[in-house]
Each structure stands twice: as C-alpha cells, then as structure tokens.
PDB file of N, CA and C in Angstrom:
ATOM      1  N   MET A   1       6.045 -23.529  -1.374  1.00  0.00           N
ATOM      2  CA  MET A   1       4.680 -23.238  -1.053  1.00  0.00           C
ATOM      3  C   MET A   1       4.318 -21.893  -1.563  1.00  0.00           C
ATOM      4  N   GLU A   2       3.186 -21.721  -2.289  1.00  0.00           N
ATOM      5  CA  GLU A   2       2.800 -20.465  -2.884  1.00  0.00           C
ATOM      6  C   GLU A   2       1.927 -19.721  -1.979  1.00  0.00           C
ATOM      7  N   LEU A   3       2.172 -18.510  -1.778  1.00  0.00           N
ATOM      8  CA  LEU A   3       1.254 -17.594  -0.904  1.00  0.00           C
ATOM      9  C   LEU A   3       0.006 -17.260  -1.587  1.00  0.00           C
ATOM     10  N   GLY A   4      -1.116 -17.208  -0.839  1.00  0.00           N
ATOM     11  CA  GLY A   4      -2.337 -16.709  -1.348  1.00  0.00           C
ATOM     12  C   GLY A   4      -2.300 -15.235  -1.413  1.00  0.00           C
ATOM     13  N   ARG A   5      -3.308 -14.660  -2.013  1.00  0.00           N
ATOM     14  CA  ARG A   5      -3.293 -13.209  -2.172  1.00  0.00           C
ATOM     15  C   ARG A   5      -3.222 -12.509  -0.898  1.00  0.00           C
ATOM     16  N   LEU A   6      -4.063 -12.868   0.129  1.00  0.00           N
ATOM     17  CA  LEU A   6      -4.071 -12.205   1.478  1.00  0.00           C
ATOM     18  C   LEU A   6      -2.684 -12.312   2.116  1.00  0.00           C
ATOM     19  N   GLU A   7      -2.071 -13.480   2.050  1.00  0.00           N
ATOM     20  CA  GLU A   7      -0.791 -13.654   2.686  1.00  0.00           C
ATOM     21  C   GLU A   7       0.290 -12.862   1.984  1.00  0.00           C
ATOM     22  N   TYR A   8       0.188 -12.773   0.674  1.00  0.00           N
ATOM     23  CA  TYR A   8       1.148 -11.923  -0.051  1.00  0.00           C
ATOM     24  C   TYR A   8       1.065 -10.451   0.296  1.00  0.00           C
ATOM     25  N   LEU A   9      -0.175 -10.062   0.384  1.00  0.00           N
ATOM     26  CA  LEU A   9      -0.405  -8.623   0.757  1.00  0.00           C
ATOM     27  C   LEU A   9       0.059  -8.356   2.149  1.00  0.00           C
ATOM     28  N   GLN A  10      -0.155  -9.349   3.071  1.00  0.00           N
ATOM     29  CA  GLN A  10       0.335  -9.209   4.471  1.00  0.00           C
ATOM     30  C   GLN A  10       1.822  -9.090   4.445  1.00  0.00           C
ATOM     31  N   ALA A  11       2.495  -9.902   3.633  1.00  0.00           N
ATOM     32  CA  ALA A  11       3.926  -9.890   3.614  1.00  0.00           C
ATOM     33  C   ALA A  11       4.403  -8.500   3.110  1.00  0.00           C
ATOM     34  N   LEU A  12       3.736  -7.892   2.145  1.00  0.00           N
ATOM     35  CA  LEU A  12       4.114  -6.541   1.671  1.00  0.00           C
ATOM     36  C   LEU A  12       3.957  -5.504   2.796  1.00  0.00           C
ATOM     37  N   VAL A  13       2.837  -5.636   3.513  1.00  0.00           N
ATOM     38  CA  VAL A  13       2.561  -4.616   4.634  1.00  0.00           C
ATOM     39  C   VAL A  13       3.564  -4.803   5.666  1.00  0.00           C
ATOM     40  N   THR A  14       3.943  -5.936   6.054  1.00  0.00           N
ATOM     41  CA  THR A  14       4.931  -6.287   7.028  1.00  0.00           C
ATOM     42  C   THR A  14       6.313  -5.802   6.580  1.00  0.00           C
ATOM     43  N   GLU A  15       6.650  -5.947   5.334  1.00  0.00           N
ATOM     44  CA  GLU A  15       7.878  -5.512   4.762  1.00  0.00           C
ATOM     45  C   GLU A  15       7.923  -3.934   4.881  1.00  0.00           C
ATOM     46  N   PHE A  16       6.913  -3.324   4.572  1.00  0.00           N
ATOM     47  CA  PHE A  16       6.782  -1.797   4.619  1.00  0.00           C
ATOM     48  C   PHE A  16       7.027  -1.382   6.048  1.00  0.00           C
ATOM     49  N   GLN A  17       6.437  -2.030   6.982  1.00  0.00           N
ATOM     50  CA  GLN A  17       6.480  -1.656   8.465  1.00  0.00           C
ATOM     51  C   GLN A  17       7.846  -1.885   9.042  1.00  0.00           C
ATOM     52  N   VAL A  18       8.589  -2.863   8.640  1.00  0.00           N
ATOM     53  CA  VAL A  18       9.873  -3.204   9.258  1.00  0.00           C
ATOM     54  C   VAL A  18      11.057  -2.577   8.566  1.00  0.00           C
ATOM     55  N   THR A  19      10.981  -2.248   7.321  1.00  0.00           N
ATOM     56  CA  THR A  19      12.160  -1.731   6.603  1.00  0.00           C
ATOM     57  C   THR A  19      12.471  -0.278   7.052  1.00  0.00           C
ATOM     58  N   ASP A  20      13.746   0.051   7.055  1.00  0.00           N
ATOM     59  CA  ASP A  20      14.190   1.367   7.319  1.00  0.00           C
ATOM     60  C   ASP A  20      14.611   2.079   5.974  1.00  0.00           C
ATOM     61  N   SER A  21      14.660   1.397   4.888  1.00  0.00           N
ATOM     62  CA  SER A  21      15.114   1.891   3.648  1.00  0.00           C
ATOM     63  C   SER A  21      13.951   2.719   3.023  1.00  0.00           C
ATOM     64  N   SER A  22      14.210   3.959   2.627  1.00  0.00           N
ATOM     65  CA  SER A  22      13.273   4.799   1.923  1.00  0.00           C
ATOM     66  C   SER A  22      12.874   4.175   0.580  1.00  0.00           C
ATOM     67  N   GLU A  23      13.925   3.724  -0.088  1.00  0.00           N
ATOM     68  CA  GLU A  23      13.704   3.159  -1.428  1.00  0.00           C
ATOM     69  C   GLU A  23      12.783   1.859  -1.344  1.00  0.00           C
ATOM     70  N   ALA A  24      13.045   0.965  -0.358  1.00  0.00           N
ATOM     71  CA  ALA A  24      12.230  -0.220  -0.182  1.00  0.00           C
ATOM     72  C   ALA A  24      10.788   0.224   0.199  1.00  0.00           C
ATOM     73  N   LYS A  25      10.616   1.222   1.023  1.00  0.00           N
ATOM     74  CA  LYS A  25       9.277   1.700   1.364  1.00  0.00           C
ATOM     75  C   LYS A  25       8.541   2.198   0.112  1.00  0.00           C
ATOM     76  N   GLU A  26       9.191   2.926  -0.776  1.00  0.00           N
ATOM     77  CA  GLU A  26       8.630   3.393  -1.969  1.00  0.00           C
ATOM     78  C   GLU A  26       8.177   2.270  -2.819  1.00  0.00           C
ATOM     79  N   GLN A  27       9.031   1.238  -2.983  1.00  0.00           N
ATOM     80  CA  GLN A  27       8.740   0.100  -3.854  1.00  0.00           C
ATOM     81  C   GLN A  27       7.534  -0.683  -3.321  1.00  0.00           C
ATOM     82  N   VAL A  28       7.600  -0.905  -2.119  1.00  0.00           N
ATOM     83  CA  VAL A  28       6.427  -1.669  -1.426  1.00  0.00           C
ATOM     84  C   VAL A  28       5.178  -0.889  -1.490  1.00  0.00           C
ATOM     85  N   LEU A  29       5.154   0.404  -1.276  1.00  0.00           N
ATOM     86  CA  LEU A  29       3.995   1.202  -1.340  1.00  0.00           C
ATOM     87  C   LEU A  29       3.460   1.265  -2.804  1.00  0.00           C
ATOM     88  N   ALA A  30       4.377   1.313  -3.734  1.00  0.00           N
ATOM     89  CA  ALA A  30       3.948   1.246  -5.155  1.00  0.00           C
ATOM     90  C   ALA A  30       3.324  -0.138  -5.459  1.00  0.00           C
ATOM     91  N   ASN A  31       3.861  -1.141  -4.956  1.00  0.00           N
ATOM     92  CA  ASN A  31       3.195  -2.501  -5.156  1.00  0.00           C
ATOM     93  C   ASN A  31       1.835  -2.562  -4.550  1.00  0.00           C
ATOM     94  N   LEU A  32       1.737  -2.036  -3.340  1.00  0.00           N
ATOM     95  CA  LEU A  32       0.391  -2.019  -2.741  1.00  0.00           C
ATOM     96  C   LEU A  32      -0.593  -1.149  -3.495  1.00  0.00           C
ATOM     97  N   ALA A  33      -0.143  -0.048  -3.986  1.00  0.00           N
ATOM     98  CA  ALA A  33      -1.055   0.889  -4.798  1.00  0.00           C
ATOM     99  C   ALA A  33      -1.468   0.143  -6.082  1.00  0.00           C
ATOM    100  N   ASN A  34      -0.634  -0.610  -6.684  1.00  0.00           N
ATOM    101  CA  ASN A  34      -0.976  -1.386  -7.854  1.00  0.00           C
ATOM    102  C   ASN A  34      -2.039  -2.385  -7.534  1.00  0.00           C
ATOM    103  N   PHE A  35      -1.967  -3.128  -6.382  1.00  0.00           N
ATOM    104  CA  PHE A  35      -2.894  -4.029  -5.972  1.00  0.00           C
ATOM    105  C   PHE A  35      -4.316  -3.379  -5.646  1.00  0.00           C
ATOM    106  N   ALA A  36      -4.232  -2.082  -5.271  1.00  0.00           N
ATOM    107  CA  ALA A  36      -5.465  -1.403  -4.918  1.00  0.00           C
ATOM    108  C   ALA A  36      -6.285  -1.035  -6.081  1.00  0.00           C
ATOM    109  N   TYR A  37      -5.731  -1.066  -7.349  1.00  0.00           N
ATOM    110  CA  TYR A  37      -6.434  -0.829  -8.499  1.00  0.00           C
ATOM    111  C   TYR A  37      -7.497  -1.914  -8.820  1.00  0.00           C
ATOM    112  N   ASP A  38      -7.265  -3.146  -8.325  1.00  0.00           N
ATOM    113  CA  ASP A  38      -8.153  -4.209  -8.587  1.00  0.00           C
ATOM    114  C   ASP A  38      -9.152  -4.395  -7.555  1.00  0.00           C
ATOM    115  N   PRO A  39     -10.456  -4.249  -7.846  1.00  0.00           N
ATOM    116  CA  PRO A  39     -11.566  -4.277  -6.819  1.00  0.00           C
ATOM    117  C   PRO A  39     -11.568  -5.624  -6.068  1.00  0.00           C
ATOM    118  N   LYS A  40     -11.023  -6.736  -6.707  1.00  0.00           N
ATOM    119  CA  LYS A  40     -11.003  -7.947  -5.981  1.00  0.00           C
ATOM    120  C   LYS A  40     -10.134  -7.963  -4.806  1.00  0.00           C
ATOM    121  N   ASN A  41      -9.175  -7.014  -4.750  1.00  0.00           N
ATOM    122  CA  ASN A  41      -8.289  -6.896  -3.507  1.00  0.00           C
ATOM    123  C   ASN A  41      -8.787  -6.018  -2.454  1.00  0.00           C
ATOM    124  N   TYR A  42      -9.872  -5.281  -2.672  1.00  0.00           N
ATOM    125  CA  TYR A  42     -10.393  -4.311  -1.741  1.00  0.00           C
ATOM    126  C   TYR A  42     -10.531  -4.875  -0.337  1.00  0.00           C
ATOM    127  N   GLU A  43     -11.230  -5.989  -0.234  1.00  0.00           N
ATOM    128  CA  GLU A  43     -11.541  -6.569   1.104  1.00  0.00           C
ATOM    129  C   GLU A  43     -10.211  -6.922   1.845  1.00  0.00           C
ATOM    130  N   TYR A  44      -9.268  -7.461   1.046  1.00  0.00           N
ATOM    131  CA  TYR A  44      -7.965  -7.838   1.759  1.00  0.00           C
ATOM    132  C   TYR A  44      -7.290  -6.522   2.233  1.00  0.00           C
ATOM    133  N   LEU A  45      -7.271  -5.499   1.360  1.00  0.00           N
ATOM    134  CA  LEU A  45      -6.553  -4.294   1.688  1.00  0.00           C
ATOM    135  C   LEU A  45      -7.265  -3.649   2.922  1.00  0.00           C
ATOM    136  N   ARG A  46      -8.544  -3.701   3.007  1.00  0.00           N
ATOM    137  CA  ARG A  46      -9.287  -3.113   4.097  1.00  0.00           C
ATOM    138  C   ARG A  46      -8.951  -3.950   5.367  1.00  0.00           C
ATOM    139  N   GLN A  47      -8.995  -5.184   5.280  1.00  0.00           N
ATOM    140  CA  GLN A  47      -8.595  -6.065   6.400  1.00  0.00           C
ATOM    141  C   GLN A  47      -7.202  -5.807   6.904  1.00  0.00           C
ATOM    142  N   LEU A  48      -6.321  -5.525   6.044  1.00  0.00           N
ATOM    143  CA  LEU A  48      -4.871  -5.316   6.442  1.00  0.00           C
ATOM    144  C   LEU A  48      -4.678  -3.774   6.682  1.00  0.00           C
ATOM    145  N   GLN A  49      -5.753  -2.988   6.728  1.00  0.00           N
ATOM    146  CA  GLN A  49      -5.662  -1.498   6.992  1.00  0.00           C
ATOM    147  C   GLN A  49      -4.672  -0.800   6.079  1.00  0.00           C
ATOM    148  N   VAL A  50      -4.613  -1.327   4.858  1.00  0.00           N
ATOM    149  CA  VAL A  50      -3.802  -0.621   3.831  1.00  0.00           C
ATOM    150  C   VAL A  50      -4.210   0.819   3.504  1.00  0.00           C
ATOM    151  N   LEU A  51      -5.546   0.933   3.558  1.00  0.00           N
ATOM    152  CA  LEU A  51      -6.195   2.275   3.144  1.00  0.00           C
ATOM    153  C   LEU A  51      -5.714   3.277   4.244  1.00  0.00           C
ATOM    154  N   ASP A  52      -5.688   2.848   5.540  1.00  0.00           N
ATOM    155  CA  ASP A  52      -5.086   3.692   6.549  1.00  0.00           C
ATOM    156  C   ASP A  52      -3.599   3.997   6.367  1.00  0.00           C
ATOM    157  N   LEU A  53      -2.965   3.018   5.821  1.00  0.00           N
ATOM    158  CA  LEU A  53      -1.503   3.151   5.561  1.00  0.00           C
ATOM    159  C   LEU A  53      -1.314   4.348   4.551  1.00  0.00           C
ATOM    160  N   PHE A  54      -2.191   4.264   3.437  1.00  0.00           N
ATOM    161  CA  PHE A  54      -2.022   5.314   2.508  1.00  0.00           C
ATOM    162  C   PHE A  54      -2.317   6.691   3.047  1.00  0.00           C
ATOM    163  N   LEU A  55      -3.324   6.845   3.890  1.00  0.00           N
ATOM    164  CA  LEU A  55      -3.684   8.011   4.515  1.00  0.00           C
ATOM    165  C   LEU A  55      -2.607   8.527   5.413  1.00  0.00           C
ATOM    166  N   ASP A  56      -1.864   7.632   6.167  1.00  0.00           N
ATOM    167  CA  ASP A  56      -0.748   7.917   7.013  1.00  0.00           C
ATOM    168  C   ASP A  56       0.401   8.586   6.233  1.00  0.00           C
ATOM    169  N   MET A  57       0.544   8.074   4.955  1.00  0.00           N
ATOM    170  CA  MET A  57       1.653   8.533   4.162  1.00  0.00           C
ATOM    171  C   MET A  57       1.512   9.966   3.690  1.00  0.00           C
ATOM    172  N   LEU A  58       0.299  10.535   3.765  1.00  0.00           N
ATOM    173  CA  LEU A  58       0.094  11.876   3.352  1.00  0.00           C
ATOM    174  C   LEU A  58       0.822  12.895   4.293  1.00  0.00           C
ATOM    175  N   THR A  59       1.302  12.587   5.421  1.00  0.00           N
ATOM    176  CA  THR A  59       2.008  13.452   6.290  1.00  0.00           C
ATOM    177  C   THR A  59       3.507  13.184   6.309  1.00  0.00           C
ATOM    178  N   GLU A  60       3.967  12.246   5.441  1.00  0.00           N
ATOM    179  CA  GLU A  60       5.401  11.955   5.421  1.00  0.00           C
ATOM    180  C   GLU A  60       6.267  13.049   4.718  1.00  0.00           C
ATOM    181  N   ASP A  61       7.488  13.103   5.127  1.00  0.00           N
ATOM    182  CA  ASP A  61       8.459  14.016   4.497  1.00  0.00           C
ATOM    183  C   ASP A  61       8.940  13.580   3.074  1.00  0.00           C
ATOM    184  N   ASN A  62       8.807  12.188   2.886  1.00  0.00           N
ATOM    185  CA  ASN A  62       9.245  11.699   1.560  1.00  0.00           C
ATOM    186  C   ASN A  62       8.159  12.004   0.540  1.00  0.00           C
ATOM    187  N   GLU A  63       8.483  12.849  -0.421  1.00  0.00           N
ATOM    188  CA  GLU A  63       7.551  13.258  -1.413  1.00  0.00           C
ATOM    189  C   GLU A  63       6.981  12.130  -2.253  1.00  0.00           C
ATOM    190  N   THR A  64       7.857  11.158  -2.508  1.00  0.00           N
ATOM    191  CA  THR A  64       7.420   9.989  -3.383  1.00  0.00           C
ATOM    192  C   THR A  64       6.340   9.139  -2.648  1.00  0.00           C
ATOM    193  N   LEU A  65       6.489   8.971  -1.364  1.00  0.00           N
ATOM    194  CA  LEU A  65       5.510   8.269  -0.544  1.00  0.00           C
ATOM    195  C   LEU A  65       4.212   9.047  -0.587  1.00  0.00           C
ATOM    196  N   VAL A  66       4.250  10.369  -0.387  1.00  0.00           N
ATOM    197  CA  VAL A  66       3.065  11.228  -0.459  1.00  0.00           C
ATOM    198  C   VAL A  66       2.362  11.096  -1.807  1.00  0.00           C
ATOM    199  N   GLU A  67       3.145  11.137  -2.916  1.00  0.00           N
ATOM    200  CA  GLU A  67       2.540  11.081  -4.128  1.00  0.00           C
ATOM    201  C   GLU A  67       1.807   9.824  -4.416  1.00  0.00           C
ATOM    202  N   PHE A  68       2.477   8.658  -4.026  1.00  0.00           N
ATOM    203  CA  PHE A  68       1.745   7.375  -4.154  1.00  0.00           C
ATOM    204  C   PHE A  68       0.497   7.345  -3.348  1.00  0.00           C
ATOM    205  N   ALA A  69       0.532   7.902  -2.198  1.00  0.00           N
ATOM    206  CA  ALA A  69      -0.645   7.924  -1.285  1.00  0.00           C
ATOM    207  C   ALA A  69      -1.740   8.784  -1.896  1.00  0.00           C
ATOM    208  N   ILE A  70      -1.430   9.863  -2.424  1.00  0.00           N
ATOM    209  CA  ILE A  70      -2.418  10.808  -3.074  1.00  0.00           C
ATOM    210  C   ILE A  70      -3.023  10.167  -4.246  1.00  0.00           C
ATOM    211  N   GLY A  71      -2.138   9.522  -5.046  1.00  0.00           N
ATOM    212  CA  GLY A  71      -2.574   8.900  -6.299  1.00  0.00           C
ATOM    213  C   GLY A  71      -3.557   7.788  -5.984  1.00  0.00           C
ATOM    214  N   LYS A  72      -3.275   6.998  -4.974  1.00  0.00           N
ATOM    215  CA  LYS A  72      -4.100   5.803  -4.605  1.00  0.00           C
ATOM    216  C   LYS A  72      -5.390   6.271  -4.014  1.00  0.00           C
ATOM    217  N   ASN A  73      -5.260   7.373  -3.052  1.00  0.00           N
ATOM    218  CA  ASN A  73      -6.489   7.817  -2.496  1.00  0.00           C
ATOM    219  C   ASN A  73      -7.510   8.490  -3.517  1.00  0.00           C
ATOM    220  N   CYS A  74      -6.945   9.205  -4.574  1.00  0.00           N
ATOM    221  CA  CYS A  74      -7.781   9.744  -5.621  1.00  0.00           C
ATOM    222  C   CYS A  74      -8.376   8.685  -6.420  1.00  0.00           C
ATOM    223  N   THR A  75      -7.716   7.672  -6.693  1.00  0.00           N
ATOM    224  CA  THR A  75      -8.240   6.435  -7.473  1.00  0.00           C
ATOM    225  C   THR A  75      -9.362   5.788  -6.680  1.00  0.00           C
ATOM    226  N   ARG A  76      -9.203   5.705  -5.384  1.00  0.00           N
ATOM    227  CA  ARG A  76     -10.252   5.003  -4.581  1.00  0.00           C
ATOM    228  C   ARG A  76     -11.553   5.901  -4.583  1.00  0.00           C
ATOM    229  N   VAL A  77     -11.414   7.138  -4.604  1.00  0.00           N
ATOM    230  CA  VAL A  77     -12.586   8.016  -4.584  1.00  0.00           C
ATOM    231  C   VAL A  77     -13.328   7.932  -5.893  1.00  0.00           C
ATOM    232  N   HIS A  78     -12.595   7.801  -7.011  1.00  0.00           N
ATOM    233  CA  HIS A  78     -13.200   7.759  -8.306  1.00  0.00           C
ATOM    234  C   HIS A  78     -13.753   6.399  -8.721  1.00  0.00           C
ATOM    235  N   SER A  79     -13.371   5.332  -8.073  1.00  0.00           N
ATOM    236  CA  SER A  79     -13.804   4.023  -8.437  1.00  0.00           C
ATOM    237  C   SER A  79     -14.988   3.582  -7.722  1.00  0.00           C
TER     238      SER A  79
END
C-alpha cells in the first residue's frame, strides 16, 4: 500500500520524534526541509506542525540541526 503525501510526512515527523540517533534526526530533518521547498506541501507541513519543529531546532546543541532549521526558516520567509 502506497502512502499519500500527508501520511508520508507524518511518518517522517514521527520518526524524527521517536529516534534517539542524531544522524537519523539530521537525515529526517533534511528530508522535511526538502519537502518544505514545494508550496504544495505547505498545508500538510502546517497541519503536522513541522514549521514549529524547525523553530524548535534553533535551540538545539546539534549544529547541523540548527543549520537545517535556519536554512528552512529563511527559505520560508523569502517564498
């Protein structure tokens, strides 16, 4: 069974929330950031509170997560 866009994004958010691996978090956040470039995904990302997730990452100790979050938030402002 193929996941729809919303279900796939929900699976990514859930994976991000439950994993303890920094590398896995970085990969998932990068994937979410890539989806955020497409305006068709905005409503899904808003519904799943991914924009808040990006904002929350700004206070993380992991510099890679912070960089992904900054990059995505800057892109959102300019689009």
